[in-house]
């Protein structure tokens, strides 16, 4: 969670100004989980008590969902959509 921008995860234990956005994190996590055999997934360094707005909790939820989607894609043989390189 610490790699995320504080706007997307204000309850991170060690916020990184200019960190990656959720828009970057979701496809990255989905692709990693789709291309590799995942045997465990852990979201670390979150302190939900520091975020009364639930933004950090929702970000963690979206990241976990992206990994589960990637695992399902791997099991069904689907491939993640590749982003165009500029």
PDB file of N, CA and C in Angstrom:
ATOM      1  N   UNK A   1       0.811  -1.185   0.000  1.00  0.00           N
ATOM      2  CA  UNK A   1       0.000   0.000   0.000  1.00  0.00           C
ATOM      3  C   UNK A   1       0.862   1.260   0.000  1.00  0.00           C
ATOM      4  N   UNK A   2       2.085   1.168   0.467  1.00  0.00           N
ATOM      5  CA  UNK A   2       2.943   2.348   0.555  1.00  0.00           C
ATOM      6  C   UNK A   2       3.347   2.893  -0.810  1.00  0.00           C
ATOM      7  N   UNK A   3       3.292   2.073  -1.833  1.00  0.00           N
ATOM      8  CA  UNK A   3       3.689   2.525  -3.161  1.00  0.00           C
ATOM      9  C   UNK A   3       2.635   3.443  -3.784  1.00  0.00           C
ATOM     10  N   UNK A   4       1.414   3.397  -3.262  1.00  0.00           N
ATOM     11  CA  UNK A   4       0.333   4.221  -3.812  1.00  0.00           C
ATOM     12  C   UNK A   4       0.477   5.682  -3.412  1.00  0.00           C
ATOM     13  N   UNK A   5      -0.019   6.546  -4.269  1.00  0.00           N
ATOM     14  CA  UNK A   5      -0.053   7.968  -3.975  1.00  0.00           C
ATOM     15  C   UNK A   5      -0.935   8.204  -2.751  1.00  0.00           C
ATOM     16  N   UNK A   6      -0.576   9.120  -1.864  1.00  0.00           N
ATOM     17  CA  UNK A   6      -1.373   9.370  -0.667  1.00  0.00           C
ATOM     18  C   UNK A   6      -2.827   9.747  -0.954  1.00  0.00           C
ATOM     19  N   UNK A   7      -3.118  10.251  -2.133  1.00  0.00           N
ATOM     20  CA  UNK A   7      -4.504  10.545  -2.488  1.00  0.00           C
ATOM     21  C   UNK A   7      -5.334   9.286  -2.657  1.00  0.00           C
ATOM     22  N   UNK A   8      -4.684   8.177  -3.014  1.00  0.00           N
ATOM     23  CA  UNK A   8      -5.379   6.905  -3.202  1.00  0.00           C
ATOM     24  C   UNK A   8      -5.300   6.005  -1.977  1.00  0.00           C
ATOM     25  N   UNK A   9      -4.354   6.278  -1.084  1.00  0.00           N
ATOM     26  CA  UNK A   9      -4.201   5.477   0.130  1.00  0.00           C
ATOM     27  C   UNK A   9      -3.663   6.357   1.257  1.00  0.00           C
ATOM     28  N   UNK A  10      -4.503   7.255   1.794  1.00  0.00           N
ATOM     29  CA  UNK A  10      -4.023   8.144   2.844  1.00  0.00           C
ATOM     30  C   UNK A  10      -3.657   7.429   4.139  1.00  0.00           C
ATOM     31  N   UNK A  11      -4.127   6.220   4.337  1.00  0.00           N
ATOM     32  CA  UNK A  11      -3.826   5.484   5.570  1.00  0.00           C
ATOM     33  C   UNK A  11      -2.594   4.609   5.440  1.00  0.00           C
ATOM     34  N   UNK A  12      -1.800   4.844   4.427  1.00  0.00           N
ATOM     35  CA  UNK A  12      -0.574   4.081   4.261  1.00  0.00           C
ATOM     36  C   UNK A  12       0.390   4.410   5.386  1.00  0.00           C
ATOM     37  N   UNK A  13       1.102   3.416   5.837  1.00  0.00           N
ATOM     38  CA  UNK A  13       2.048   3.627   6.921  1.00  0.00           C
ATOM     39  C   UNK A  13       3.204   4.535   6.533  1.00  0.00           C
ATOM     40  N   UNK A  14       3.630   4.454   5.287  1.00  0.00           N
ATOM     41  CA  UNK A  14       4.720   5.289   4.778  1.00  0.00           C
ATOM     42  C   UNK A  14       4.306   5.879   3.435  1.00  0.00           C
ATOM     43  N   UNK A  15       3.538   6.967   3.442  1.00  0.00           N
ATOM     44  CA  UNK A  15       3.064   7.533   2.170  1.00  0.00           C
ATOM     45  C   UNK A  15       4.208   8.013   1.279  1.00  0.00           C
ATOM     46  N   UNK A  16       4.039   7.827  -0.020  1.00  0.00           N
ATOM     47  CA  UNK A  16       5.033   8.226  -1.002  1.00  0.00           C
ATOM     48  C   UNK A  16       4.423   9.303  -1.894  1.00  0.00           C
ATOM     49  N   UNK A  17       4.764  10.566  -1.672  1.00  0.00           N
ATOM     50  CA  UNK A  17       4.241  11.599  -2.568  1.00  0.00           C
ATOM     51  C   UNK A  17       4.654  11.306  -4.006  1.00  0.00           C
ATOM     52  N   UNK A  18       3.705  11.360  -4.910  1.00  0.00           N
ATOM     53  CA  UNK A  18       3.994  11.041  -6.306  1.00  0.00           C
ATOM     54  C   UNK A  18       4.036   9.552  -6.571  1.00  0.00           C
ATOM     55  N   UNK A  19       3.466   8.754  -5.669  1.00  0.00           N
ATOM     56  CA  UNK A  19       3.426   7.306  -5.860  1.00  0.00           C
ATOM     57  C   UNK A  19       2.508   6.928  -7.012  1.00  0.00           C
ATOM     58  N   UNK A  20       2.405   5.638  -7.290  1.00  0.00           N
ATOM     59  CA  UNK A  20       1.576   5.218  -8.412  1.00  0.00           C
ATOM     60  C   UNK A  20       0.099   5.411  -8.067  1.00  0.00           C
ATOM     61  N   UNK A  21      -0.680   5.632  -9.088  1.00  0.00           N
ATOM     62  CA  UNK A  21      -2.116   5.837  -8.908  1.00  0.00           C
ATOM     63  C   UNK A  21      -2.842   4.507  -8.997  1.00  0.00           C
ATOM     64  N   UNK A  22      -4.073   4.506  -8.600  1.00  0.00           N
ATOM     65  CA  UNK A  22      -4.879   3.289  -8.718  1.00  0.00           C
ATOM     66  C   UNK A  22      -5.044   2.917 -10.182  1.00  0.00           C
ATOM     67  N   UNK A  23      -5.091   3.918 -11.027  1.00  0.00           N
ATOM     68  CA  UNK A  23      -5.227   3.680 -12.462  1.00  0.00           C
ATOM     69  C   UNK A  23      -4.024   2.909 -13.010  1.00  0.00           C
ATOM     70  N   UNK A  24      -2.874   3.086 -12.399  1.00  0.00           N
ATOM     71  CA  UNK A  24      -1.679   2.351 -12.793  1.00  0.00           C
ATOM     72  C   UNK A  24      -1.584   1.018 -12.057  1.00  0.00           C
ATOM     73  N   UNK A  25      -1.999   0.991 -10.800  1.00  0.00           N
ATOM     74  CA  UNK A  25      -1.842  -0.203  -9.961  1.00  0.00           C
ATOM     75  C   UNK A  25      -2.760  -1.350 -10.384  1.00  0.00           C
ATOM     76  N   UNK A  26      -4.013  -1.038 -10.703  1.00  0.00           N
ATOM     77  CA  UNK A  26      -4.984  -2.093 -11.014  1.00  0.00           C
ATOM     78  C   UNK A  26      -4.536  -2.957 -12.197  1.00  0.00           C
ATOM     79  N   UNK A  27      -4.249  -2.380 -13.377  1.00  0.00           N
ATOM     80  CA  UNK A  27      -3.824  -3.245 -14.487  1.00  0.00           C
ATOM     81  C   UNK A  27      -2.503  -3.962 -14.222  1.00  0.00           C
ATOM     82  N   UNK A  28      -1.607  -3.315 -13.472  1.00  0.00           N
ATOM     83  CA  UNK A  28      -0.325  -3.926 -13.155  1.00  0.00           C
ATOM     84  C   UNK A  28      -0.521  -5.184 -12.305  1.00  0.00           C
ATOM     85  N   UNK A  29      -1.318  -5.068 -11.251  1.00  0.00           N
ATOM     86  CA  UNK A  29      -1.569  -6.207 -10.360  1.00  0.00           C
ATOM     87  C   UNK A  29      -2.318  -7.303 -11.110  1.00  0.00           C
ATOM     88  N   UNK A  30      -3.315  -6.912 -11.907  1.00  0.00           N
ATOM     89  CA  UNK A  30      -4.084  -7.909 -12.660  1.00  0.00           C
ATOM     90  C   UNK A  30      -3.177  -8.683 -13.606  1.00  0.00           C
ATOM     91  N   UNK A  31      -2.292  -7.986 -14.303  1.00  0.00           N
ATOM     92  CA  UNK A  31      -1.402  -8.651 -15.250  1.00  0.00           C
ATOM     93  C   UNK A  31      -0.397  -9.559 -14.539  1.00  0.00           C
ATOM     94  N   UNK A  32       0.156  -9.093 -13.432  1.00  0.00           N
ATOM     95  CA  UNK A  32       1.097  -9.924 -12.670  1.00  0.00           C
ATOM     96  C   UNK A  32       0.415 -11.209 -12.204  1.00  0.00           C
ATOM     97  N   UNK A  33      -0.806 -11.083 -11.699  1.00  0.00           N
ATOM     98  CA  UNK A  33      -1.526 -12.258 -11.203  1.00  0.00           C
ATOM     99  C   UNK A  33      -2.008 -13.157 -12.337  1.00  0.00           C
ATOM    100  N   UNK A  34      -2.210 -12.596 -13.524  1.00  0.00           N
ATOM    101  CA  UNK A  34      -2.644 -13.399 -14.672  1.00  0.00           C
ATOM    102  C   UNK A  34      -1.487 -14.156 -15.301  1.00  0.00           C
ATOM    103  N   UNK A  35      -0.302 -13.597 -15.241  1.00  0.00           N
ATOM    104  CA  UNK A  35       0.839 -14.207 -15.921  1.00  0.00           C
ATOM    105  C   UNK A  35       1.672 -15.126 -15.036  1.00  0.00           C
ATOM    106  N   UNK A  36       1.411 -15.109 -13.731  1.00  0.00           N
ATOM    107  CA  UNK A  36       2.210 -15.916 -12.810  1.00  0.00           C
ATOM    108  C   UNK A  36       1.300 -16.758 -11.933  1.00  0.00           C
ATOM    109  N   UNK A  37       1.816 -17.883 -11.505  1.00  0.00           N
ATOM    110  CA  UNK A  37       1.047 -18.715 -10.588  1.00  0.00           C
ATOM    111  C   UNK A  37       1.159 -18.108  -9.189  1.00  0.00           C
ATOM    112  N   UNK A  38       0.092 -17.488  -8.743  1.00  0.00           N
ATOM    113  CA  UNK A  38       0.080 -16.812  -7.449  1.00  0.00           C
ATOM    114  C   UNK A  38      -0.305 -17.816  -6.371  1.00  0.00           C
ATOM    115  N   UNK A  39       0.520 -17.898  -5.342  1.00  0.00           N
ATOM    116  CA  UNK A  39       0.218 -18.802  -4.232  1.00  0.00           C
ATOM    117  C   UNK A  39      -0.112 -18.033  -2.958  1.00  0.00           C
ATOM    118  N   UNK A  40       0.083 -16.720  -2.996  1.00  0.00           N
ATOM    119  CA  UNK A  40      -0.244 -15.890  -1.843  1.00  0.00           C
ATOM    120  C   UNK A  40      -0.258 -14.429  -2.244  1.00  0.00           C
ATOM    121  N   UNK A  41      -1.059 -13.647  -1.544  1.00  0.00           N
ATOM    122  CA  UNK A  41      -1.153 -12.212  -1.842  1.00  0.00           C
ATOM    123  C   UNK A  41      -1.407 -11.485  -0.541  1.00  0.00           C
ATOM    124  N   UNK A  42      -0.620 -10.468  -0.273  1.00  0.00           N
ATOM    125  CA  UNK A  42      -0.722  -9.766   0.998  1.00  0.00           C
ATOM    126  C   UNK A  42      -0.658  -8.266   0.755  1.00  0.00           C
ATOM    127  N   UNK A  43      -1.534  -7.530   1.377  1.00  0.00           N
ATOM    128  CA  UNK A  43      -1.504  -6.071   1.325  1.00  0.00           C
ATOM    129  C   UNK A  43      -0.944  -5.588   2.649  1.00  0.00           C
ATOM    130  N   UNK A  44       0.215  -4.975   2.595  1.00  0.00           N
ATOM    131  CA  UNK A  44       0.896  -4.564   3.817  1.00  0.00           C
ATOM    132  C   UNK A  44       0.910  -3.053   3.988  1.00  0.00           C
ATOM    133  N   UNK A  45       1.211  -2.653   5.189  1.00  0.00           N
ATOM    134  CA  UNK A  45       1.484  -1.263   5.520  1.00  0.00           C
ATOM    135  C   UNK A  45       0.257  -0.363   5.405  1.00  0.00           C
ATOM    136  N   UNK A  46      -0.858  -0.839   5.880  1.00  0.00           N
ATOM    137  CA  UNK A  46      -2.072  -0.019   5.902  1.00  0.00           C
ATOM    138  C   UNK A  46      -2.514   0.173   7.351  1.00  0.00           C
ATOM    139  N   UNK A  47      -2.936   1.371   7.656  1.00  0.00           N
ATOM    140  CA  UNK A  47      -3.442   1.700   8.990  1.00  0.00           C
ATOM    141  C   UNK A  47      -4.821   2.339   8.827  1.00  0.00           C
ATOM    142  N   UNK A  48      -5.859   1.526   8.632  1.00  0.00           N
ATOM    143  CA  UNK A  48      -7.197   2.051   8.334  1.00  0.00           C
ATOM    144  C   UNK A  48      -7.718   3.057   9.355  1.00  0.00           C
ATOM    145  N   UNK A  49      -7.243   2.994  10.573  1.00  0.00           N
ATOM    146  CA  UNK A  49      -7.705   3.937  11.592  1.00  0.00           C
ATOM    147  C   UNK A  49      -7.333   5.374  11.234  1.00  0.00           C
ATOM    148  N   UNK A  50      -6.309   5.549  10.391  1.00  0.00           N
ATOM    149  CA  UNK A  50      -5.870   6.879   9.976  1.00  0.00           C
ATOM    150  C   UNK A  50      -6.719   7.468   8.854  1.00  0.00           C
ATOM    151  N   UNK A  51      -7.654   6.692   8.319  1.00  0.00           N
ATOM    152  CA  UNK A  51      -8.437   7.148   7.175  1.00  0.00           C
ATOM    153  C   UNK A  51      -9.937   7.009   7.439  1.00  0.00           C
ATOM    154  N   UNK A  52     -10.576   8.053   7.955  1.00  0.00           N
ATOM    155  CA  UNK A  52     -12.019   7.983   8.218  1.00  0.00           C
ATOM    156  C   UNK A  52     -12.871   8.024   6.947  1.00  0.00           C
ATOM    157  N   UNK A  53     -12.252   8.282   5.792  1.00  0.00           N
ATOM    158  CA  UNK A  53     -13.016   8.382   4.541  1.00  0.00           C
ATOM    159  C   UNK A  53     -13.158   7.047   3.809  1.00  0.00           C
ATOM    160  N   UNK A  54     -12.507   6.015   4.261  1.00  0.00           N
ATOM    161  CA  UNK A  54     -12.546   4.674   3.658  1.00  0.00           C
ATOM    162  C   UNK A  54     -11.847   4.592   2.297  1.00  0.00           C
ATOM    163  N   UNK A  55     -11.144   5.641   1.878  1.00  0.00           N
ATOM    164  CA  UNK A  55     -10.461   5.613   0.588  1.00  0.00           C
ATOM    165  C   UNK A  55      -9.410   4.509   0.560  1.00  0.00           C
ATOM    166  N   UNK A  56      -8.634   4.388   1.618  1.00  0.00           N
ATOM    167  CA  UNK A  56      -7.590   3.355   1.667  1.00  0.00           C
ATOM    168  C   UNK A  56      -8.193   1.957   1.645  1.00  0.00           C
ATOM    169  N   UNK A  57      -9.268   1.766   2.355  1.00  0.00           N
ATOM    170  CA  UNK A  57      -9.926   0.449   2.377  1.00  0.00           C
ATOM    171  C   UNK A  57     -10.453   0.090   0.993  1.00  0.00           C
ATOM    172  N   UNK A  58     -11.033   1.062   0.309  1.00  0.00           N
ATOM    173  CA  UNK A  58     -11.555   0.801  -1.032  1.00  0.00           C
ATOM    174  C   UNK A  58     -10.409   0.538  -2.012  1.00  0.00           C
ATOM    175  N   UNK A  59      -9.320   1.264  -1.882  1.00  0.00           N
ATOM    176  CA  UNK A  59      -8.160   1.024  -2.745  1.00  0.00           C
ATOM    177  C   UNK A  59      -7.624  -0.392  -2.534  1.00  0.00           C
ATOM    178  N   UNK A  60      -7.513  -0.810  -1.292  1.00  0.00           N
ATOM    179  CA  UNK A  60      -7.054  -2.173  -0.992  1.00  0.00           C
ATOM    180  C   UNK A  60      -8.017  -3.197  -1.578  1.00  0.00           C
ATOM    181  N   UNK A  61      -9.305  -2.928  -1.483  1.00  0.00           N
ATOM    182  CA  UNK A  61     -10.321  -3.820  -2.039  1.00  0.00           C
ATOM    183  C   UNK A  61     -10.166  -3.937  -3.552  1.00  0.00           C
ATOM    184  N   UNK A  62      -9.964  -2.824  -4.239  1.00  0.00           N
ATOM    185  CA  UNK A  62      -9.810  -2.846  -5.691  1.00  0.00           C
ATOM    186  C   UNK A  62      -8.546  -3.592  -6.106  1.00  0.00           C
ATOM    187  N   UNK A  63      -7.469  -3.419  -5.351  1.00  0.00           N
ATOM    188  CA  UNK A  63      -6.227  -4.120  -5.672  1.00  0.00           C
ATOM    189  C   UNK A  63      -6.388  -5.627  -5.481  1.00  0.00           C
ATOM    190  N   UNK A  64      -7.007  -6.028  -4.392  1.00  0.00           N
ATOM    191  CA  UNK A  64      -7.243  -7.448  -4.161  1.00  0.00           C
ATOM    192  C   UNK A  64      -8.157  -8.031  -5.239  1.00  0.00           C
ATOM    193  N   UNK A  65      -9.178  -7.282  -5.627  1.00  0.00           N
ATOM    194  CA  UNK A  65     -10.085  -7.728  -6.690  1.00  0.00           C
ATOM    195  C   UNK A  65      -9.329  -7.886  -8.007  1.00  0.00           C
ATOM    196  N   UNK A  66      -8.400  -6.980  -8.295  1.00  0.00           N
ATOM    197  CA  UNK A  66      -7.605  -7.075  -9.516  1.00  0.00           C
ATOM    198  C   UNK A  66      -6.769  -8.349  -9.524  1.00  0.00           C
ATOM    199  N   UNK A  67      -6.198  -8.695  -8.375  1.00  0.00           N
ATOM    200  CA  UNK A  67      -5.407  -9.928  -8.301  1.00  0.00           C
ATOM    201  C   UNK A  67      -6.295 -11.154  -8.495  1.00  0.00           C
ATOM    202  N   UNK A  68      -7.436 -11.171  -7.835  1.00  0.00           N
ATOM    203  CA  UNK A  68      -8.353 -12.308  -7.993  1.00  0.00           C
ATOM    204  C   UNK A  68      -8.835 -12.427  -9.437  1.00  0.00           C
ATOM    205  N   UNK A  69      -9.061 -11.292 -10.090  1.00  0.00           N
ATOM    206  CA  UNK A  69      -9.449 -11.312 -11.507  1.00  0.00           C
ATOM    207  C   UNK A  69      -8.334 -11.887 -12.359  1.00  0.00           C
ATOM    208  N   UNK A  70      -7.100 -11.494 -12.064  1.00  0.00           N
ATOM    209  CA  UNK A  70      -5.958 -12.024 -12.796  1.00  0.00           C
ATOM    210  C   UNK A  70      -5.806 -13.525 -12.610  1.00  0.00           C
ATOM    211  N   UNK A  71      -6.017 -14.000 -11.392  1.00  0.00           N
ATOM    212  CA  UNK A  71      -5.946 -15.442 -11.132  1.00  0.00           C
ATOM    213  C   UNK A  71      -7.034 -16.172 -11.920  1.00  0.00           C
ATOM    214  N   UNK A  72      -8.229 -15.611 -11.941  1.00  0.00           N
ATOM    215  CA  UNK A  72      -9.330 -16.225 -12.700  1.00  0.00           C
ATOM    216  C   UNK A  72      -9.014 -16.216 -14.193  1.00  0.00           C
ATOM    217  N   UNK A  73      -8.419 -15.142 -14.680  1.00  0.00           N
ATOM    218  CA  UNK A  73      -8.053 -15.076 -16.095  1.00  0.00           C
ATOM    219  C   UNK A  73      -7.031 -16.154 -16.437  1.00  0.00           C
ATOM    220  N   UNK A  74      -6.076 -16.355 -15.546  1.00  0.00           N
ATOM    221  CA  UNK A  74      -5.058 -17.389 -15.786  1.00  0.00           C
ATOM    222  C   UNK A  74      -5.703 -18.768 -15.841  1.00  0.00           C
ATOM    223  N   UNK A  75      -6.640 -19.020 -14.935  1.00  0.00           N
ATOM    224  CA  UNK A  75      -7.277 -20.343 -14.882  1.00  0.00           C
ATOM    225  C   UNK A  75      -8.174 -20.604 -16.087  1.00  0.00           C
ATOM    226  N   UNK A  76      -8.776 -19.549 -16.646  1.00  0.00           N
ATOM    227  CA  UNK A  76      -9.666 -19.731 -17.798  1.00  0.00           C
ATOM    228  C   UNK A  76      -8.943 -19.583 -19.124  1.00  0.00           C
ATOM    229  N   UNK A  77      -7.683 -19.159 -19.092  1.00  0.00           N
ATOM    230  CA  UNK A  77      -6.915 -18.998 -20.318  1.00  0.00           C
ATOM    231  C   UNK A  77      -7.073 -17.641 -20.967  1.00  0.00           C
ATOM    232  N   UNK A  78      -7.778 -16.728 -20.332  1.00  0.00           N
ATOM    233  CA  UNK A  78      -7.923 -15.374 -20.871  1.00  0.00           C
ATOM    234  C   UNK A  78      -6.623 -14.616 -20.661  1.00  0.00           C
ATOM    235  N   UNK A  79      -6.395 -13.614 -21.493  1.00  0.00           N
ATOM    236  CA  UNK A  79      -5.196 -12.796 -21.346  1.00  0.00           C
ATOM    237  C   UNK A  79      -5.594 -11.369 -21.036  1.00  0.00           C
ATOM    238  N   UNK A  80      -4.834 -10.683 -20.184  1.00  0.00           N
ATOM    239  CA  UNK A  80      -5.155  -9.287 -19.890  1.00  0.00           C
ATOM    240  C   UNK A  80      -4.934  -8.408 -21.115  1.00  0.00           C
ATOM    241  N   UNK A  81      -5.683  -7.347 -21.205  1.00  0.00           N
ATOM    242  CA  UNK A  81      -5.558  -6.407 -22.308  1.00  0.00           C
ATOM    243  C   UNK A  81      -4.241  -5.654 -22.141  1.00  0.00           C
ATOM    244  N   UNK A  82      -3.442  -5.655 -23.176  1.00  0.00           N
ATOM    245  CA  UNK A  82      -2.167  -4.951 -23.141  1.00  0.00           C
ATOM    246  C   UNK A  82      -2.397  -3.485 -23.451  1.00  0.00           C
ATOM    247  N   UNK A  83      -1.709  -2.611 -22.737  1.00  0.00           N
ATOM    248  CA  UNK A  83      -1.824  -1.193 -23.009  1.00  0.00           C
ATOM    249  C   UNK A  83      -0.877  -0.811 -24.140  1.00  0.00           C
ATOM    250  N   UNK A  84      -1.277   0.154 -24.929  1.00  0.00           N
ATOM    251  CA  UNK A  84      -0.438   0.598 -26.050  1.00  0.00           C
ATOM    252  C   UNK A  84       0.770   1.345 -25.519  1.00  0.00           C
ATOM    253  N   UNK A  85       1.922   1.093 -26.089  1.00  0.00           N
ATOM    254  CA  UNK A  85       3.140   1.786 -25.681  1.00  0.00           C
ATOM    255  C   UNK A  85       3.341   2.970 -26.608  1.00  0.00           C
ATOM    256  N   UNK A  86       3.645   4.099 -26.005  1.00  0.00           N
ATOM    257  CA  UNK A  86       3.820   5.330 -26.788  1.00  0.00           C
ATOM    258  C   UNK A  86       5.270   5.613 -26.979  1.00  0.00           C
TER     259      UNK A  86
END
